[in-house]
Structures are given as C-alpha cells and as structure tokens.
C-alpha cells in the first residue's frame, strides 16, 4: 500500500490534497499564504481531524514567516491573533484547537 501525503510543507508553502476532488481526481492545493490554509480548512479542502490539526499548525507557521523579523513582543501578539483567525475557520474541530494550542505553548516556552 502506498501512503499519500495529504498535508505537507514544500518551499515555504503548505500543500494539501484537495479532499473535494477525491476519489476521481488527485489534486494538490498549494497554500503560500496562511489565509489560503484558512480557506482550505473552512471549505473542507482538508478533512479528517488529524489532517486539519496538521494544516492548522502549518498554516500558523506559514503566517509567522511574514512577521518573523518583528521584535518578540510584537511577534507574539501577531502570532496569537493569527492562531485565533485560523481557529475561527472550523470552530468545532478539536484537533485544530489542540494543534494551535501546542504552537502557542511552544512559542511561550521559547520566549521565556
């Protein structure tokens, strides 16, 4: 059995298998901006609790690249707002909240 990567990182982009196209077509959606990841989560392009969590975390990382040179305090504020925006994409997705919580916790540990 061949495993298919449904969510992965490639060249500063999040790549998703478009679940809406399956099983007839295997199409990749390349998200070069975190807002595209939000749209993919909201529009059910990415499905399944684990995949949604991974996509959310990768979307947060992708968004953070845009302001990675900011001072720590400003970065943290923007990152938390970004995570809240991603969380709003699918308000009932537990894995999404879990993944974003892990991202926020890790940031807190790093900046301490």
Protein backbone atom coordinates (compact mmCIF):
# COMPACT_ATOMS: atom_id res chain seq x y z
CA UNK A 1 0.00 0.00 0.00
CA UNK A 2 1.33 3.41 -0.98
CA UNK A 3 0.90 6.19 1.55
CA UNK A 4 -0.25 9.52 0.18
CA UNK A 5 0.85 12.69 1.92
CA UNK A 6 -2.35 14.64 2.43
CA UNK A 7 -0.71 17.66 4.10
CA UNK A 8 2.94 18.60 3.73
CA UNK A 9 5.38 21.52 3.66
CA UNK A 10 7.21 22.38 0.44
CA UNK A 11 9.28 25.50 -0.27
CA UNK A 12 7.58 27.77 2.29
CA UNK A 13 4.12 26.60 1.31
CA UNK A 14 1.56 24.19 2.74
CA UNK A 15 0.48 21.61 0.19
CA UNK A 16 -2.85 19.82 0.64
CA UNK A 17 -4.62 17.07 -1.23
CA UNK A 18 -7.98 18.53 -2.24
CA UNK A 19 -10.42 16.22 -0.49
CA UNK A 20 -13.29 17.72 -2.50
CA UNK A 21 -11.81 16.31 -5.73
CA UNK A 22 -11.35 12.75 -4.45
CA UNK A 23 -11.81 9.96 -5.43
CA UNK A 24 -11.98 10.94 -9.11
CA UNK A 25 -9.03 13.33 -9.18
CA UNK A 26 -5.96 13.68 -7.00
CA UNK A 27 -5.32 17.42 -7.00
CA UNK A 28 -2.87 19.36 -4.85
CA UNK A 29 -3.66 22.77 -3.44
CA UNK A 30 -0.58 24.89 -2.75
CA UNK A 31 -1.09 27.48 0.00
CA UNK A 32 1.61 30.14 0.00
CA UNK A 33 -0.31 32.34 2.46
CA UNK A 34 -1.93 31.35 5.75
CA UNK A 35 -5.25 32.79 4.55
CA UNK A 36 -5.32 30.13 1.85
CA UNK A 37 -4.91 27.48 4.57
CA UNK A 38 -7.84 29.03 6.45
CA UNK A 39 -9.96 28.87 3.29
CA UNK A 40 -8.95 25.23 2.73
CA UNK A 41 -9.98 24.31 6.27
CA UNK A 42 -13.25 26.23 6.03
CA UNK A 43 -14.12 24.88 2.55
CA UNK A 44 -13.40 21.25 3.51
CA UNK A 45 -10.47 21.00 1.11
CA UNK A 46 -8.68 19.37 4.03
CA UNK A 47 -10.71 16.82 6.01
CA UNK A 48 -10.17 14.48 8.91
CA UNK A 49 -9.29 15.57 12.42
CA UNK A 50 -5.54 14.81 12.27
CA UNK A 51 -5.12 16.45 8.85
CA UNK A 52 -7.00 19.55 10.00
CA UNK A 53 -4.74 19.84 13.04
CA UNK A 54 -1.59 19.49 10.94
CA UNK A 55 -2.87 22.00 8.38
CA UNK A 56 -3.70 24.48 11.15
CA UNK A 57 -0.23 24.20 12.70
CA UNK A 58 1.46 24.52 9.31
CA UNK A 59 -0.78 27.48 8.49
CA UNK A 60 0.32 29.16 11.71
CA UNK A 61 3.97 28.53 10.84
CA UNK A 62 3.40 29.86 7.33
CA UNK A 63 1.75 33.00 8.66
CA UNK A 64 4.53 33.53 11.19
CA UNK A 65 7.08 33.71 8.37
CA UNK A 66 5.56 37.02 7.29
CA UNK A 67 6.48 38.74 10.56
CA UNK A 68 9.41 36.64 11.76
CA UNK A 69 11.73 39.64 11.96
CA UNK A 70 9.46 41.53 14.37
CA UNK A 71 10.52 42.07 17.99
CA UNK A 72 9.41 39.23 20.29
CA UNK A 73 6.51 41.10 21.91
CA UNK A 74 5.06 42.20 18.58
CA UNK A 75 5.66 38.75 17.05
CA UNK A 76 3.84 37.06 19.93
CA UNK A 77 0.86 39.40 19.64
CA UNK A 78 0.59 38.86 15.88
CA UNK A 79 1.07 35.10 16.21
CA UNK A 80 -1.71 34.79 18.80
CA UNK A 81 -4.06 36.82 16.59
CA UNK A 82 -3.12 34.65 13.62
CA UNK A 83 -3.89 31.49 15.59
CA UNK A 84 -7.26 32.91 16.63
CA UNK A 85 -8.04 33.64 12.99
CA UNK A 86 -7.16 30.08 11.97
CA UNK A 87 -9.22 28.68 14.87
CA UNK A 88 -12.30 30.51 13.59
CA UNK A 89 -12.12 28.55 10.32
CA UNK A 90 -13.65 25.44 11.89
CA UNK A 91 -14.88 26.25 15.41
CA UNK A 92 -15.78 22.64 16.27
CA UNK A 93 -12.51 21.00 15.20
CA UNK A 94 -10.83 19.76 18.39
CA UNK A 95 -7.57 18.78 16.70
CA UNK A 96 -7.32 22.25 15.20
CA UNK A 97 -7.53 23.83 18.66
CA UNK A 98 -5.13 21.26 20.08
CA UNK A 99 -2.53 21.95 17.37
CA UNK A 100 -2.80 25.73 17.70
CA UNK A 101 -2.59 25.42 21.48
CA UNK A 102 0.65 23.45 21.07
CA UNK A 103 2.02 26.14 18.77
CA UNK A 104 1.18 28.89 21.27
CA UNK A 105 2.62 26.90 24.18
CA UNK A 106 5.84 26.28 22.29
CA UNK A 107 6.15 29.98 21.48
CA UNK A 108 5.65 30.84 25.17
CA UNK A 109 8.37 28.35 26.14
CA UNK A 110 10.79 29.77 23.57
CA UNK A 111 10.33 33.43 24.52
CA UNK A 112 10.60 32.88 28.27
